[in-house]
C-alpha atoms as a PDB file:
ATOM      1  CA  UNK A   1     -24.210   8.909 -25.246  1.00  0.00           C
ATOM      2  CA  UNK A   2     -24.451  12.411 -25.896  1.00  0.00           C
ATOM      3  CA  UNK A   3     -25.120  11.924 -30.042  1.00  0.00           C
ATOM      4  CA  UNK A   4     -28.775  14.077 -29.504  1.00  0.00           C
ATOM      5  CA  UNK A   5     -27.070  16.689 -27.804  1.00  0.00           C
ATOM      6  CA  UNK A   6     -25.747  20.107 -28.924  1.00  0.00           C
ATOM      7  CA  UNK A   7     -24.138  23.203 -26.998  1.00  0.00           C
ATOM      8  CA  UNK A   8     -21.545  21.977 -24.077  1.00  0.00           C
ATOM      9  CA  UNK A   9     -20.503  24.125 -21.827  1.00  0.00           C
ATOM     10  CA  UNK A  10     -17.989  23.833 -18.913  1.00  0.00           C
ATOM     11  CA  UNK A  11     -18.822  25.606 -15.793  1.00  0.00           C
ATOM     12  CA  UNK A  12     -15.458  26.466 -13.782  1.00  0.00           C
ATOM     13  CA  UNK A  13     -15.018  27.127 -10.395  1.00  0.00           C
ATOM     14  CA  UNK A  14     -12.513  30.026  -9.581  1.00  0.00           C
ATOM     15  CA  UNK A  15     -12.015  30.021 -13.239  1.00  0.00           C
ATOM     16  CA  UNK A  16      -9.579  27.225 -12.791  1.00  0.00           C
ATOM     17  CA  UNK A  17     -11.006  24.247 -13.054  1.00  0.00           C
ATOM     18  CA  UNK A  18     -14.306  22.439 -14.127  1.00  0.00           C
ATOM     19  CA  UNK A  19     -16.680  21.419 -11.823  1.00  0.00           C
ATOM     20  CA  UNK A  20     -19.558  20.292 -14.153  1.00  0.00           C
ATOM     21  CA  UNK A  21     -20.622  19.628 -17.671  1.00  0.00           C
ATOM     22  CA  UNK A  22     -24.111  21.853 -18.551  1.00  0.00           C
ATOM     23  CA  UNK A  23     -25.600  19.938 -21.529  1.00  0.00           C
ATOM     24  CA  UNK A  24     -28.254  22.199 -23.871  1.00  0.00           C
ATOM     25  CA  UNK A  25     -30.890  21.550 -26.513  1.00  0.00           C
ATOM     26  CA  UNK A  26     -31.540  18.041 -26.385  1.00  0.00           C
ATOM     27  CA  UNK A  27     -32.958  17.198 -30.042  1.00  0.00           C
ATOM     28  CA  UNK A  28     -34.640  14.023 -28.784  1.00  0.00           C
ATOM     29  CA  UNK A  29     -38.441  14.973 -29.445  1.00  0.00           C
ATOM     30  CA  UNK A  30     -39.408  13.514 -26.175  1.00  0.00           C
ATOM     31  CA  UNK A  31     -36.996  16.100 -24.050  1.00  0.00           C
ATOM     32  CA  UNK A  32     -36.780  18.757 -26.057  1.00  0.00           C
ATOM     33  CA  UNK A  33     -35.299  22.003 -24.573  1.00  0.00           C
ATOM     34  CA  UNK A  34     -34.290  20.542 -21.229  1.00  0.00           C
ATOM     35  CA  UNK A  35     -31.042  21.362 -19.798  1.00  0.00           C
ATOM     36  CA  UNK A  36     -28.907  18.269 -18.199  1.00  0.00           C
ATOM     37  CA  UNK A  37     -25.452  18.654 -16.299  1.00  0.00           C
ATOM     38  CA  UNK A  38     -23.363  16.394 -14.650  1.00  0.00           C
ATOM     39  CA  UNK A  39     -20.000  16.619 -12.689  1.00  0.00           C
ATOM     40  CA  UNK A  40     -17.043  15.753 -14.678  1.00  0.00           C
ATOM     41  CA  UNK A  41     -15.654  14.383 -11.415  1.00  0.00           C
ATOM     42  CA  UNK A  42     -18.718  11.741 -11.745  1.00  0.00           C
ATOM     43  CA  UNK A  43     -17.723   8.071 -10.856  1.00  0.00           C
ATOM     44  CA  UNK A  44     -13.876   9.321 -10.358  1.00  0.00           C
ATOM     45  CA  UNK A  45     -11.635   9.115  -7.107  1.00  0.00           C
ATOM     46  CA  UNK A  46     -12.218  12.928  -7.226  1.00  0.00           C
ATOM     47  CA  UNK A  47     -16.370  12.448  -6.620  1.00  0.00           C
ATOM     48  CA  UNK A  48     -18.190  14.134  -3.909  1.00  0.00           C
ATOM     49  CA  UNK A  49     -14.680  16.063  -2.808  1.00  0.00           C
ATOM     50  CA  UNK A  50     -14.120  19.564  -2.772  1.00  0.00           C
ATOM     51  CA  UNK A  51     -10.439  19.388  -3.088  1.00  0.00           C
ATOM     52  CA  UNK A  52      -8.790  21.332  -6.341  1.00  0.00           C
ATOM     53  CA  UNK A  53      -7.900  19.207  -8.852  1.00  0.00           C
ATOM     54  CA  UNK A  54      -4.401  20.572  -9.216  1.00  0.00           C
ATOM     55  CA  UNK A  55      -3.829  19.985  -5.282  1.00  0.00           C
ATOM     56  CA  UNK A  56      -5.066  16.076  -5.789  1.00  0.00           C
ATOM     57  CA  UNK A  57      -2.457  15.936  -8.748  1.00  0.00           C
ATOM     58  CA  UNK A  58      -0.004  17.338  -6.654  1.00  0.00           C
ATOM     59  CA  UNK A  59      -0.720  14.726  -3.480  1.00  0.00           C
ATOM     60  CA  UNK A  60      -0.792  12.108  -5.831  1.00  0.00           C
ATOM     61  CA  UNK A  61       2.742  12.710  -7.252  1.00  0.00           C
ATOM     62  CA  UNK A  62       4.112  13.190  -3.374  1.00  0.00           C
ATOM     63  CA  UNK A  63       2.155   9.488  -2.292  1.00  0.00           C
ATOM     64  CA  UNK A  64       3.959   8.099  -4.961  1.00  0.00           C
ATOM     65  CA  UNK A  65       7.207   9.166  -3.792  1.00  0.00           C
ATOM     66  CA  UNK A  66       7.126   6.258  -1.207  1.00  0.00           C
ATOM     67  CA  UNK A  67       7.698   5.805   2.321  1.00  0.00           C
ATOM     68  CA  UNK A  68       9.012   9.268   3.186  1.00  0.00           C
ATOM     69  CA  UNK A  69       5.776  10.793   2.792  1.00  0.00           C
ATOM     70  CA  UNK A  70       4.977  13.355   5.854  1.00  0.00           C
ATOM     71  CA  UNK A  71       2.460  15.179   6.236  1.00  0.00           C
ATOM     72  CA  UNK A  72       4.216  18.504   7.886  1.00  0.00           C
ATOM     73  CA  UNK A  73       6.578  18.426   4.438  1.00  0.00           C
ATOM     74  CA  UNK A  74       3.033  18.788   2.340  1.00  0.00           C
ATOM     75  CA  UNK A  75       1.797  21.501   4.648  1.00  0.00           C
ATOM     76  CA  UNK A  76       4.724  23.322   4.050  1.00  0.00           C
ATOM     77  CA  UNK A  77       4.527  23.035   0.886  1.00  0.00           C
ATOM     78  CA  UNK A  78       1.305  24.680   0.289  1.00  0.00           C
ATOM     79  CA  UNK A  79      -0.799  21.288  -0.773  1.00  0.00           C
ATOM     80  CA  UNK A  80      -3.286  21.952   1.564  1.00  0.00           C
ATOM     81  CA  UNK A  81      -3.944  23.789   4.997  1.00  0.00           C
ATOM     82  CA  UNK A  82      -5.531  20.903   6.707  1.00  0.00           C
ATOM     83  CA  UNK A  83      -3.756  18.324   8.019  1.00  0.00           C
ATOM     84  CA  UNK A  84      -7.521  16.364   7.936  1.00  0.00           C
ATOM     85  CA  UNK A  85      -7.309  16.823   4.220  1.00  0.00           C
ATOM     86  CA  UNK A  86      -4.044  15.334   3.807  1.00  0.00           C
ATOM     87  CA  UNK A  87      -5.328  12.321   6.052  1.00  0.00           C
ATOM     88  CA  UNK A  88      -8.499  11.930   3.722  1.00  0.00           C
ATOM     89  CA  UNK A  89      -6.668  12.154   0.632  1.00  0.00           C
ATOM     90  CA  UNK A  90      -3.902   9.412   1.804  1.00  0.00           C
ATOM     91  CA  UNK A  91      -7.011   7.366   2.881  1.00  0.00           C
ATOM     92  CA  UNK A  92      -8.342   7.083  -0.310  1.00  0.00           C
ATOM     93  CA  UNK A  93      -5.314   6.480  -2.170  1.00  0.00           C
ATOM     94  CA  UNK A  94      -4.264   3.790   0.577  1.00  0.00           C
ATOM     95  CA  UNK A  95      -7.866   2.200  -0.656  1.00  0.00           C
ATOM     96  CA  UNK A  96      -6.396   2.003  -4.427  1.00  0.00           C
ATOM     97  CA  UNK A  97      -2.956   0.228  -3.282  1.00  0.00           C
ATOM     98  CA  UNK A  98      -5.090  -2.116  -1.083  1.00  0.00           C
ATOM     99  CA  UNK A  99      -7.947  -2.606  -4.264  1.00  0.00           C
ATOM    100  CA  UNK A 100      -4.588  -3.428  -6.175  1.00  0.00           C
ATOM    101  CA  UNK A 101      -2.932  -6.378  -4.104  1.00  0.00           C
ATOM    102  CA  UNK A 102      -6.297  -7.535  -3.977  1.00  0.00           C
ATOM    103  CA  UNK A 103      -6.322  -8.356  -7.242  1.00  0.00           C
ATOM    104  CA  UNK A 104      -2.449  -9.633  -7.049  1.00  0.00           C
ATOM    105  CA  UNK A 105      -3.637 -12.114  -4.053  1.00  0.00           C
ATOM    106  CA  UNK A 106      -6.664 -13.226  -6.187  1.00  0.00           C
ATOM    107  CA  UNK A 107      -4.776 -14.415  -8.973  1.00  0.00           C
ATOM    108  CA  UNK A 108      -2.918 -16.402  -6.706  1.00  0.00           C
ATOM    109  CA  UNK A 109       0.597 -14.585  -7.659  1.00  0.00           C
ATOM    110  CA  UNK A 110       1.503 -13.281  -4.196  1.00  0.00           C
ATOM    111  CA  UNK A 111       4.010 -16.263  -3.698  1.00  0.00           C
ATOM    112  CA  UNK A 112       7.708 -15.916  -2.759  1.00  0.00           C
ATOM    113  CA  UNK A 113      11.124 -18.583  -2.934  1.00  0.00           C
ATOM    114  CA  UNK A 114      12.332 -20.612  -5.509  1.00  0.00           C
ATOM    115  CA  UNK A 115      14.368 -19.844  -8.418  1.00  0.00           C
ATOM    116  CA  UNK A 116      17.486 -18.207  -6.315  1.00  0.00           C
ATOM    117  CA  UNK A 117      14.923 -16.380  -4.254  1.00  0.00           C
ATOM    118  CA  UNK A 118      15.702 -16.631  -0.391  1.00  0.00           C
ATOM    119  CA  UNK A 119      12.846 -16.036   2.030  1.00  0.00           C
ATOM    120  CA  UNK A 120      14.096 -14.564   5.728  1.00  0.00           C
ATOM    121  CA  UNK A 121      10.883 -14.550   8.199  1.00  0.00           C
ATOM    122  CA  UNK A 122      10.490 -13.061  11.728  1.00  0.00           C
ATOM    123  CA  UNK A 123       7.451 -11.859  13.811  1.00  0.00           C
ATOM    124  CA  UNK A 124       7.556  -8.551  14.783  1.00  0.00           C
ATOM    125  CA  UNK A 125       5.443  -6.460  17.792  1.00  0.00           C
ATOM    126  CA  UNK A 126       3.491  -3.235  16.443  1.00  0.00           C
ATOM    127  CA  UNK A 127       2.223  -1.029  18.680  1.00  0.00           C
ATOM    128  CA  UNK A 128       1.634   2.959  19.122  1.00  0.00           C
ATOM    129  CA  UNK A 129       4.294   4.874  21.303  1.00  0.00           C
ATOM    130  CA  UNK A 130       3.980   7.913  23.347  1.00  0.00           C
ATOM    131  CA  UNK A 131       5.911  10.598  22.385  1.00  0.00           C
ATOM    132  CA  UNK A 132       8.162  11.861  25.754  1.00  0.00           C
ATOM    133  CA  UNK A 133       5.711   9.034  27.442  1.00  0.00           C
ATOM    134  CA  UNK A 134       2.987  11.251  26.911  1.00  0.00           C
ATOM    135  CA  UNK A 135      -0.597  10.851  25.797  1.00  0.00           C
ATOM    136  CA  UNK A 136      -2.785   7.445  26.089  1.00  0.00           C
ATOM    137  CA  UNK A 137      -0.413   4.333  26.054  1.00  0.00           C
ATOM    138  CA  UNK A 138      -2.067   1.387  23.805  1.00  0.00           C
ATOM    139  CA  UNK A 139      -3.329  -1.571  25.636  1.00  0.00           C
ATOM    140  CA  UNK A 140      -3.189  -3.608  22.546  1.00  0.00           C
ATOM    141  CA  UNK A 141      -0.256  -4.355  20.208  1.00  0.00           C
ATOM    142  CA  UNK A 142      -0.511  -6.490  16.971  1.00  0.00           C
ATOM    143  CA  UNK A 143       2.330  -9.072  15.808  1.00  0.00           C
ATOM    144  CA  UNK A 144       3.204  -9.230  12.393  1.00  0.00           C
ATOM    145  CA  UNK A 145       4.555 -11.852  10.528  1.00  0.00           C
ATOM    146  CA  UNK A 146       7.046 -10.867   8.289  1.00  0.00           C
ATOM    147  CA  UNK A 147       8.214 -12.960   5.068  1.00  0.00           C
ATOM    148  CA  UNK A 148      10.800 -11.258   2.615  1.00  0.00           C
ATOM    149  CA  UNK A 149      11.644 -12.768  -0.637  1.00  0.00           C
ATOM    150  CA  UNK A 150      14.949 -11.732  -1.083  1.00  0.00           C
ATOM    151  CA  UNK A 151      17.246 -12.014  -4.716  1.00  0.00           C
ATOM    152  CA  UNK A 152      19.945  -9.712  -5.400  1.00  0.00           C
ATOM    153  CA  UNK A 153      18.373  -6.013  -5.383  1.00  0.00           C
ATOM    154  CA  UNK A 154      14.996  -7.189  -5.548  1.00  0.00           C
ATOM    155  CA  UNK A 155      12.879  -7.345  -2.074  1.00  0.00           C
ATOM    156  CA  UNK A 156       9.206  -8.490  -2.073  1.00  0.00           C
ATOM    157  CA  UNK A 157       7.611  -8.332   1.606  1.00  0.00           C
ATOM    158  CA  UNK A 158       4.576 -10.425   2.437  1.00  0.00           C
ATOM    159  CA  UNK A 159       3.173  -8.910   5.708  1.00  0.00           C
ATOM    160  CA  UNK A 160       0.298 -10.205   7.905  1.00  0.00           C
ATOM    161  CA  UNK A 161      -1.001  -9.482  11.111  1.00  0.00           C
ATOM    162  CA  UNK A 162      -1.598 -12.615  13.363  1.00  0.00           C
ATOM    163  CA  UNK A 163      -3.239 -12.792  16.662  1.00  0.00           C
ATOM    164  CA  UNK A 164      -0.063 -15.137  17.835  1.00  0.00           C
ATOM    165  CA  UNK A 165       2.893 -16.410  17.019  1.00  0.00           C
ATOM    166  CA  UNK A 166       2.207 -20.228  17.172  1.00  0.00           C
ATOM    167  CA  UNK A 167       2.846 -22.665  14.575  1.00  0.00           C
ATOM    168  CA  UNK A 168      -0.761 -23.308  14.394  1.00  0.00           C
ATOM    169  CA  UNK A 169      -1.291 -19.082  13.214  1.00  0.00           C
ATOM    170  CA  UNK A 170       2.471 -19.275  11.074  1.00  0.00           C
ATOM    171  CA  UNK A 171       2.084 -22.259   9.365  1.00  0.00           C
ATOM    172  CA  UNK A 172      -0.648 -21.780   7.135  1.00  0.00           C
ATOM    173  CA  UNK A 173       0.610 -18.485   6.113  1.00  0.00           C
ATOM    174  CA  UNK A 174       4.135 -19.932   5.490  1.00  0.00           C
ATOM    175  CA  UNK A 175       2.292 -22.700   3.012  1.00  0.00           C
ATOM    176  CA  UNK A 176       0.120 -20.532   0.945  1.00  0.00           C
ATOM    177  CA  UNK A 177       2.776 -17.814   0.742  1.00  0.00           C
ATOM    178  CA  UNK A 178       6.312 -19.584   0.024  1.00  0.00           C
ATOM    179  CA  UNK A 179       7.075 -22.004  -2.372  1.00  0.00           C
ATOM    180  CA  UNK A 180       7.739 -25.436  -1.179  1.00  0.00           C
ATOM    181  CA  UNK A 181      11.334 -26.541  -1.211  1.00  0.00           C
ATOM    182  CA  UNK A 182      12.535 -22.393  -0.827  1.00  0.00           C
ATOM    183  CA  UNK A 183      15.311 -21.846   1.213  1.00  0.00           C
ATOM    184  CA  UNK A 184      14.090 -20.142   4.612  1.00  0.00           C
ATOM    185  CA  UNK A 185      16.103 -18.153   7.275  1.00  0.00           C
ATOM    186  CA  UNK A 186      14.289 -17.400  10.579  1.00  0.00           C
ATOM    187  CA  UNK A 187      15.582 -17.503  14.001  1.00  0.00           C
ATOM    188  CA  UNK A 188      15.367 -20.056  16.522  1.00  0.00           C
ATOM    189  CA  UNK A 189      11.800 -19.601  17.182  1.00  0.00           C
ATOM    190  CA  UNK A 190       9.879 -23.009  18.130  1.00  0.00           C
ATOM    191  CA  UNK A 191       6.817 -22.149  15.982  1.00  0.00           C
ATOM    192  CA  UNK A 192       9.406 -22.745  12.882  1.00  0.00           C
ATOM    193  CA  UNK A 193      10.651 -26.221  13.973  1.00  0.00           C
ATOM    194  CA  UNK A 194       8.974 -28.482  11.611  1.00  0.00           C
ATOM    195  CA  UNK A 195       9.501 -26.447   8.431  1.00  0.00           C
ATOM    196  CA  UNK A 196      12.051 -28.866   7.099  1.00  0.00           C
ATOM    197  CA  UNK A 197       9.333 -31.655   7.524  1.00  0.00           C
ATOM    198  CA  UNK A 198       7.221 -29.402   5.540  1.00  0.00           C
ATOM    199  CA  UNK A 199       9.558 -29.452   2.874  1.00  0.00           C
ATOM    200  CA  UNK A 200      11.733 -26.498   3.027  1.00  0.00           C
ATOM    201  CA  UNK A 201      15.104 -26.146   3.464  1.00  0.00           C
ATOM    202  CA  UNK A 202      15.258 -24.273   6.300  1.00  0.00           C
ATOM    203  CA  UNK A 203      18.337 -22.282   7.954  1.00  0.00           C
ATOM    204  CA  UNK A 204      18.770 -21.104  11.762  1.00  0.00           C
ATOM    205  CA  UNK A 205      20.224 -18.003  11.996  1.00  0.00           C
ATOM    206  CA  UNK A 206      21.052 -16.045  15.485  1.00  0.00           C
ATOM    207  CA  UNK A 207      20.365 -12.128  14.595  1.00  0.00           C
ATOM    208  CA  UNK A 208      23.111 -10.769  16.660  1.00  0.00           C
ATOM    209  CA  UNK A 209      25.273 -12.572  14.052  1.00  0.00           C
ATOM    210  CA  UNK A 210      26.320 -11.678  10.283  1.00  0.00           C
ATOM    211  CA  UNK A 211      24.688 -13.974   7.677  1.00  0.00           C
ATOM    212  CA  UNK A 212      25.611 -13.928   4.289  1.00  0.00           C
ATOM    213  CA  UNK A 213      23.832 -15.952   1.698  1.00  0.00           C
ATOM    214  CA  UNK A 214      26.431 -17.099  -1.115  1.00  0.00           C
ATOM    215  CA  UNK A 215      23.637 -17.464  -3.698  1.00  0.00           C
ATOM    216  CA  UNK A 216      21.419 -14.739  -3.263  1.00  0.00           C
ATOM    217  CA  UNK A 217      23.190 -12.672  -1.282  1.00  0.00           C
ATOM    218  CA  UNK A 218      20.891 -11.886   1.039  1.00  0.00           C
ATOM    219  CA  UNK A 219      22.649 -10.138   4.607  1.00  0.00           C
ATOM    220  CA  UNK A 220      21.199 -10.022   7.608  1.00  0.00           C
ATOM    221  CA  UNK A 221      22.051  -6.949   8.751  1.00  0.00           C
ATOM    222  CA  UNK A 222      20.706  -5.757   5.069  1.00  0.00           C
ATOM    223  CA  UNK A 223      17.127  -7.309   6.048  1.00  0.00           C
ATOM    224  CA  UNK A 224      17.132  -5.955   9.372  1.00  0.00           C
ATOM    225  CA  UNK A 225      17.644  -2.361   7.954  1.00  0.00           C
ATOM    226  CA  UNK A 226      14.877  -3.099   5.535  1.00  0.00           C
ATOM    227  CA  UNK A 227      12.303  -3.574   8.187  1.00  0.00           C
ATOM    228  CA  UNK A 228      13.760  -1.120  10.501  1.00  0.00           C
ATOM    229  CA  UNK A 229      12.806   1.354   7.868  1.00  0.00           C
ATOM    230  CA  UNK A 230       9.528  -0.144   7.473  1.00  0.00           C
ATOM    231  CA  UNK A 231       8.583   0.056  11.129  1.00  0.00           C
ATOM    232  CA  UNK A 232       9.675   3.578  11.683  1.00  0.00           C
ATOM    233  CA  UNK A 233       7.492   4.635   8.902  1.00  0.00           C
ATOM    234  CA  UNK A 234       4.479   3.061  10.287  1.00  0.00           C
ATOM    235  CA  UNK A 235       5.137   4.481  13.436  1.00  0.00           C
ATOM    236  CA  UNK A 236       6.252   7.619  12.065  1.00  0.00           C
ATOM    237  CA  UNK A 237       2.741   8.064   9.958  1.00  0.00           C
ATOM    238  CA  UNK A 238       1.025   6.969  13.077  1.00  0.00           C
ATOM    239  CA  UNK A 239      -0.180   3.694  11.194  1.00  0.00           C
ATOM    240  CA  UNK A 240      -0.489   1.842  14.095  1.00  0.00           C
ATOM    241  CA  UNK A 241      -3.202   3.209  16.708  1.00  0.00           C
ATOM    242  CA  UNK A 242      -5.546   0.467  15.423  1.00  0.00           C
ATOM    243  CA  UNK A 243      -5.291  -2.423  14.064  1.00  0.00           C
ATOM    244  CA  UNK A 244      -7.062  -1.389  10.840  1.00  0.00           C
ATOM    245  CA  UNK A 245      -5.050   1.528   9.961  1.00  0.00           C
ATOM    246  CA  UNK A 246      -1.859  -0.924  10.510  1.00  0.00           C
ATOM    247  CA  UNK A 247      -3.100  -3.402   7.833  1.00  0.00           C
ATOM    248  CA  UNK A 248      -3.638  -0.388   5.549  1.00  0.00           C
ATOM    249  CA  UNK A 249      -0.204   0.668   5.958  1.00  0.00           C
ATOM    250  CA  UNK A 250       1.188  -2.929   5.711  1.00  0.00           C
ATOM    251  CA  UNK A 251      -0.853  -2.906   2.400  1.00  0.00           C
ATOM    252  CA  UNK A 252       0.811   0.139   1.166  1.00  0.00           C
ATOM    253  CA  UNK A 253       4.211  -1.015   1.920  1.00  0.00           C
ATOM    254  CA  UNK A 254       3.644  -4.611  -0.253  1.00  0.00           C
ATOM    255  CA  UNK A 255       2.002  -2.490  -2.956  1.00  0.00           C
ATOM    256  CA  UNK A 256       5.440  -0.501  -3.073  1.00  0.00           C
ATOM    257  CA  UNK A 257       7.858  -3.199  -3.524  1.00  0.00           C
ATOM    258  CA  UNK A 258       5.305  -5.713  -5.332  1.00  0.00           C
ATOM    259  CA  UNK A 259       3.909  -3.161  -7.951  1.00  0.00           C
ATOM    260  CA  UNK A 260       5.253   0.442  -7.640  1.00  0.00           C
ATOM    261  CA  UNK A 261       8.645  -0.534  -8.208  1.00  0.00           C
ATOM    262  CA  UNK A 262       7.714  -2.685 -11.632  1.00  0.00           C
ATOM    263  CA  UNK A 263       6.372   0.210 -13.683  1.00  0.00           C
ATOM    264  CA  UNK A 264       8.296   1.534 -16.132  1.00  0.00           C
ATOM    265  CA  UNK A 265       7.336   5.109 -14.954  1.00  0.00           C
ATOM    266  CA  UNK A 266       8.036   4.060 -11.493  1.00  0.00           C
ATOM    267  CA  UNK A 267       5.603   4.218  -8.432  1.00  0.00           C
ATOM    268  CA  UNK A 268       3.629   7.042  -9.790  1.00  0.00           C
ATOM    269  CA  UNK A 269       2.760   5.343 -13.148  1.00  0.00           C
ATOM    270  CA  UNK A 270       1.712   2.078 -11.602  1.00  0.00           C
ATOM    271  CA  UNK A 271      -0.507   4.445  -8.747  1.00  0.00           C
ATOM    272  CA  UNK A 272      -2.308   6.199 -11.722  1.00  0.00           C
ATOM    273  CA  UNK A 273      -2.840   2.699 -13.592  1.00  0.00           C
ATOM    274  CA  UNK A 274      -4.088   1.311 -10.527  1.00  0.00           C
ATOM    275  CA  UNK A 275      -6.620   4.642  -9.768  1.00  0.00           C
ATOM    276  CA  UNK A 276      -7.916   4.302 -13.750  1.00  0.00           C
ATOM    277  CA  UNK A 277      -8.569   0.189 -12.634  1.00  0.00           C
ATOM    278  CA  UNK A 278     -10.425   1.120  -9.562  1.00  0.00           C
ATOM    279  CA  UNK A 279     -12.548   3.888 -10.914  1.00  0.00           C
ATOM    280  CA  UNK A 280     -13.698   3.256 -14.126  1.00  0.00           C
ATOM    281  CA  UNK A 281     -15.046   6.551 -15.862  1.00  0.00           C
END
């Protein structure tokens, strides 16, 4: 691209990070003597961002640490002084995770069940809670349909926002994401009454009682603990204020268990991989 150019200079901001590439003395006859400049951030995730690159790197590392991410911790660490800035950085990284999960779904790879993997399903209402009964109460809560594939220590969640808990809304999702013939464990909700007729090995349990699958080791108490961690995290990060925000946070949870935990360098390695996939400079 720059074979006809000479004298490349980097212009630095605060003598630390380069903000622009200056190209001088174009040898092409039609552009002789002209000077060109281009930001080193052009086309990357950092384009149009005024945040220092060191801050970005620190935040990416913290974001990759997973569901324990809290703004107050990063403010205390001095990553940035503004919670609004942290929100913008997190939104951009969440879009990276959403894009990665979109690729997984397009390839038809987000299915669970069969091969000694039991599936547990249920629904949960997710709405914004007022702290100390203060603030505006949310008039709308969203139902989240939760499907969890379990095999030994592996967890693969599929989380979908649904308008209603009826069989009309839940059965298409079950058929799409759970392989026929799989063992599916649920409570006695009437929307699941047709599962056996649809080709699934349907087991009904009472969530108040303990159940352990003899093949996979799936335990109802462990599953409830897993869902509790996810729900508490969404509430703590205020991811349930709007349905759009809730969907973004559900995508990040899916990304963590479908991709983040399966890279040889862990979630950080996968996050950097997916950033490179989304922003091809």
